[in-house]
Amino acid sequence: METETITHGALVISEASNELLLRLMAGRNNDQALAEQAFTEFYNRHQGYVFHVACKAANGLLDDDEKFDLVQETFIRAYEKAHTFKGGALDDATQERRWARAWLGKIANNLLIDKMRKKKGVLLLNYDDESVKREAELKRAVASLPKSSEQLLVQEALERLTEREQRILRLAALNYSPGDKELRISDSDLDELATTYNVSKASIRQTKKRAKEKVKNYLEVRFQQKGIEIET
């Protein structure tokens, strides 16, 4: 579907880059109809990816309706914040798509964090260890427990953390992907945490490390109490 001339000639929305679609969305005050067309195309391109990310990150934390709501809220926020997207003028279509999806994934993660803060006693946690072998043994021990026992042990460990430690681990966990060797906190989250707690970024990283060790050590002790061996 052709629309009015934007810069050079007639624009075909379906052929527009993601960065251009977001610029059109950001210019909704100038042309609401065109912005809505751009939003529809952007949504159709990426809704499958965002739903996949939402299901993966919120597994066991949100029901299907809540996951669907998270996807819709992600695109609404993207529409509202389209002007904040920094595409970097990428020429490669694949890289440009990845850049846009990374931005959408960040929005979805932040919205999920907000939802989890409202769910008392619920914390999304993935943890790693410097030793790949020990990480594998810990995961094997967790897998050998009934799900309810696993959740209870993790909750017991988390209750021994401070609010600050829990928040830092939550943000780090939401940036975790299978295959990562360690939990990482994004630069933007580091800036936010450092500002919130009036400390340095190095202090935030140290708090993350201490919190992770507390959880790991507690779980090791509890596994041993239940007669589950963890190789050293």
Protein backbone atom coordinates (compact mmCIF):
# COMPACT_ATOMS: atom_id res chain seq x y z
CA MET A 1 0.00 0.00 0.00
CA GLU A 2 1.49 3.32 -1.08
CA THR A 3 1.35 6.38 1.09
CA GLU A 4 2.29 9.99 0.65
CA THR A 5 5.85 11.01 -0.16
CA ILE A 6 8.09 11.05 2.93
CA THR A 7 11.53 11.95 1.61
CA HIS A 8 12.05 10.60 -1.91
CA GLY A 9 9.15 9.29 -3.90
CA ALA A 10 6.28 7.16 -2.71
CA LEU A 11 6.83 5.04 0.39
CA VAL A 12 5.69 1.42 0.42
CA ILE A 13 5.18 0.59 4.09
CA SER A 14 5.86 -3.14 3.66
CA GLU A 15 9.30 -2.31 2.21
CA ALA A 16 10.28 0.26 4.82
CA SER A 17 13.13 -0.45 7.21
CA ASN A 18 12.39 -0.94 10.88
CA GLU A 19 14.14 2.32 11.70
CA LEU A 20 11.97 4.19 9.22
CA LEU A 21 8.81 2.57 10.62
CA LEU A 22 9.79 3.73 14.08
CA ARG A 23 10.49 7.24 12.80
CA LEU A 24 7.02 7.32 11.26
CA MET A 25 5.54 6.12 14.56
CA ALA A 26 7.47 8.80 16.40
CA GLY A 27 6.01 11.40 14.02
CA ARG A 28 2.41 10.46 14.80
CA ASN A 29 1.58 14.04 15.76
CA ASN A 30 2.28 15.04 12.15
CA ASP A 31 0.53 12.12 10.45
CA GLN A 32 -1.51 9.83 12.69
CA ALA A 33 -2.76 7.63 9.86
CA LEU A 34 0.73 6.98 8.53
CA ALA A 35 2.03 6.28 12.02
CA GLU A 36 -0.70 3.68 12.53
CA GLN A 37 0.17 2.00 9.22
CA ALA A 38 3.80 1.89 10.28
CA PHE A 39 2.85 0.45 13.66
CA THR A 40 0.74 -2.31 12.06
CA GLU A 41 3.64 -3.32 9.80
CA PHE A 42 6.12 -3.21 12.70
CA TYR A 43 3.80 -5.32 14.86
CA ASN A 44 3.26 -7.92 12.15
CA ARG A 45 7.00 -8.26 11.61
CA HIS A 46 7.96 -8.77 15.22
CA GLN A 47 4.98 -10.01 17.25
CA GLY A 48 6.04 -13.66 16.85
CA TYR A 49 9.52 -12.90 18.15
CA VAL A 50 8.26 -10.85 21.09
CA PHE A 51 5.79 -13.59 22.04
CA HIS A 52 8.64 -16.12 22.01
CA VAL A 53 10.77 -13.87 24.23
CA ALA A 54 7.84 -13.29 26.61
CA CYS A 55 7.11 -17.01 26.94
CA LYS A 56 10.77 -17.80 27.55
CA ALA A 57 11.37 -15.08 30.13
CA ALA A 58 8.04 -15.47 31.93
CA ASN A 59 7.90 -19.26 31.96
CA GLY A 60 6.29 -20.34 35.23
CA LEU A 61 5.68 -16.75 36.28
CA LEU A 62 2.80 -15.63 34.07
CA ASP A 63 -0.18 -17.52 32.70
CA ASP A 64 -1.00 -17.51 28.98
CA ASP A 65 -3.30 -14.48 29.22
CA GLU A 66 -0.66 -12.51 31.10
CA LYS A 67 1.98 -13.42 28.51
CA PHE A 68 -0.34 -12.20 25.75
CA ASP A 69 -0.89 -8.98 27.71
CA LEU A 70 2.88 -8.57 28.06
CA VAL A 71 3.29 -8.78 24.28
CA GLN A 72 0.59 -6.17 23.68
CA GLU A 73 2.02 -3.87 26.34
CA THR A 74 5.48 -4.21 24.78
CA PHE A 75 4.25 -2.92 21.43
CA ILE A 76 2.21 -0.16 23.03
CA ARG A 77 5.33 0.98 24.88
CA ALA A 78 7.36 0.71 21.67
CA TYR A 79 4.84 2.95 19.91
CA GLU A 80 5.00 5.48 22.73
CA LYS A 81 8.81 5.38 22.91
CA ALA A 82 9.55 5.09 19.18
CA HIS A 83 11.47 8.36 19.31
CA THR A 84 14.04 6.78 21.66
CA PHE A 85 15.14 4.09 19.20
CA LYS A 86 18.73 4.47 18.03
CA GLY A 87 19.16 2.39 14.91
CA GLY A 88 22.70 3.35 14.05
CA ALA A 89 21.88 3.68 10.33
CA LEU A 90 22.61 0.01 9.69
CA ASP A 91 22.73 -1.00 6.03
CA ASP A 92 22.49 -4.76 6.55
CA ALA A 93 18.84 -5.85 6.81
CA THR A 94 19.59 -8.76 9.14
CA GLN A 95 21.57 -6.60 11.57
CA GLU A 96 18.93 -3.91 11.40
CA ARG A 97 16.22 -6.43 12.31
CA ARG A 98 18.30 -7.78 15.20
CA TRP A 99 18.83 -4.24 16.48
CA ALA A 100 15.10 -3.56 16.47
CA ARG A 101 14.33 -6.86 18.16
CA ALA A 102 16.96 -6.32 20.83
CA TRP A 103 15.26 -3.00 21.59
CA LEU A 104 11.86 -4.71 21.79
CA GLY A 105 13.30 -7.44 24.01
CA LYS A 106 14.61 -4.82 26.41
CA ILE A 107 11.18 -3.22 26.62
CA ALA A 108 9.56 -6.62 27.28
CA ASN A 109 12.11 -7.43 30.01
CA ASN A 110 11.55 -4.12 31.76
CA LEU A 111 7.78 -4.62 31.68
CA LEU A 112 8.20 -8.13 33.07
CA ILE A 113 10.35 -6.79 35.90
CA ASP A 114 7.59 -4.32 36.77
CA LYS A 115 5.02 -7.13 36.80
CA MET A 116 7.21 -9.30 39.03
CA ARG A 117 7.68 -6.48 41.51
CA LYS A 118 3.91 -6.51 41.97
CA LYS A 119 3.82 -10.26 42.59
CA LYS A 120 4.90 -10.69 46.20
CA GLY A 121 7.32 -13.52 46.78
CA VAL A 122 8.02 -14.18 43.10
CA LEU A 123 11.49 -13.70 41.64
CA LEU A 124 12.82 -14.81 38.28
CA LEU A 125 16.21 -16.36 38.95
CA ASN A 126 18.84 -18.03 36.83
CA TYR A 127 22.28 -18.42 38.38
CA ASP A 128 25.64 -19.52 37.08
CA ASP A 129 28.97 -20.55 38.55
CA GLU A 130 32.52 -19.97 37.43
CA SER A 131 32.93 -23.72 37.21
CA VAL A 132 30.86 -25.20 34.40
CA LYS A 133 31.03 -28.60 36.10
CA ARG A 134 29.56 -27.31 39.37
CA GLU A 135 26.82 -25.47 37.48
CA ALA A 136 25.87 -28.71 35.75
CA GLU A 137 25.80 -30.58 39.07
CA LEU A 138 23.64 -27.94 40.71
CA LYS A 139 21.17 -28.03 37.84
CA ARG A 140 21.10 -31.83 37.99
CA ALA A 141 20.37 -31.66 41.72
CA VAL A 142 17.55 -29.16 41.14
CA ALA A 143 16.11 -31.30 38.36
CA SER A 144 16.00 -34.33 40.69
CA LEU A 145 13.66 -32.55 43.11
CA PRO A 146 9.88 -32.30 42.75
CA LYS A 147 8.97 -28.88 41.38
CA SER A 148 7.34 -27.76 44.62
CA SER A 149 10.46 -28.66 46.62
CA GLU A 150 12.67 -26.82 44.15
CA GLN A 151 10.56 -23.68 44.41
CA LEU A 152 10.57 -23.89 48.20
CA LEU A 153 14.35 -24.18 48.39
CA VAL A 154 14.91 -21.30 45.99
CA GLN A 155 12.41 -19.16 47.88
CA GLU A 156 14.16 -19.96 51.16
CA ALA A 157 17.46 -18.85 49.64
CA LEU A 158 15.99 -15.64 48.25
CA GLU A 159 14.40 -14.70 51.56
CA ARG A 160 17.89 -14.50 53.00
CA LEU A 161 18.84 -11.78 50.53
CA THR A 162 18.29 -8.09 51.02
CA GLU A 163 15.85 -6.20 48.81
CA ARG A 164 18.80 -4.70 46.95
CA GLU A 165 20.38 -8.10 46.32
CA GLN A 166 17.09 -9.51 45.07
CA ARG A 167 16.53 -6.64 42.67
CA ILE A 168 20.05 -6.86 41.26
CA LEU A 169 19.76 -10.62 40.72
CA ARG A 170 16.37 -10.16 39.07
CA LEU A 171 17.75 -7.70 36.55
CA ALA A 172 20.77 -9.88 35.88
CA ALA A 173 18.58 -12.97 35.42
CA LEU A 174 16.40 -11.23 32.86
CA ASN A 175 19.47 -10.61 30.71
CA TYR A 176 20.54 -14.26 30.94
CA SER A 177 20.45 -16.48 27.87
CA PRO A 178 21.23 -20.19 27.62
CA GLY A 179 24.94 -20.63 26.99
CA ASP A 180 26.00 -17.53 28.93
CA LYS A 181 28.89 -18.28 31.28
CA GLU A 182 27.89 -15.65 33.80
CA LEU A 183 25.09 -13.34 34.78
CA ARG A 184 25.47 -9.89 33.30
CA ILE A 185 23.72 -6.61 33.99
CA SER A 186 23.22 -4.32 31.01
CA ASP A 187 24.85 -0.89 31.06
CA SER A 188 21.46 0.84 31.25
CA ASP A 189 20.42 -1.30 34.24
CA LEU A 190 23.78 -0.67 35.89
CA ASP A 191 23.26 3.07 35.51
CA GLU A 192 19.75 2.82 36.95
CA LEU A 193 20.86 0.70 39.93
CA ALA A 194 23.89 2.85 40.68
CA THR A 195 21.71 5.96 40.65
CA THR A 196 18.97 4.36 42.75
CA TYR A 197 21.34 3.17 45.47
CA ASN A 198 23.85 6.02 45.10
CA VAL A 199 26.81 3.67 44.65
CA SER A 200 29.30 2.90 41.89
CA LYS A 201 28.76 0.38 39.10
CA ALA A 202 31.58 -1.70 40.59
CA SER A 203 29.64 -1.87 43.86
CA ILE A 204 26.56 -3.15 42.01
CA ARG A 205 28.65 -5.88 40.36
CA GLN A 206 30.08 -6.91 43.72
CA THR A 207 26.61 -7.05 45.27
CA LYS A 208 25.46 -9.27 42.39
CA LYS A 209 28.40 -11.60 42.95
CA ARG A 210 27.79 -11.83 46.70
CA ALA A 211 24.06 -12.44 46.24
CA LYS A 212 24.70 -15.19 43.70
CA GLU A 213 27.16 -16.88 46.07
CA LYS A 214 24.68 -16.68 48.94
CA VAL A 215 22.00 -18.41 46.89
CA LYS A 216 24.39 -21.05 45.55
CA ASN A 217 25.88 -21.83 48.96
CA TYR A 218 22.49 -22.07 50.62
CA LEU A 219 21.16 -24.41 47.94
CA GLU A 220 24.24 -26.63 48.21
CA VAL A 221 23.72 -27.02 51.96
CA ARG A 222 20.01 -27.77 51.56
CA PHE A 223 20.66 -30.28 48.77
CA GLN A 224 23.13 -32.09 51.02
CA GLN A 225 20.60 -32.12 53.86
CA LYS A 226 18.19 -33.85 51.50
CA GLY A 227 20.84 -36.39 50.60
CA ILE A 228 21.53 -35.07 47.12
CA GLU A 229 25.24 -35.07 46.38
CA ILE A 230 26.89 -32.28 44.45
CA GLU A 231 30.31 -33.17 43.12
CA THR A 232 33.18 -30.87 44.05
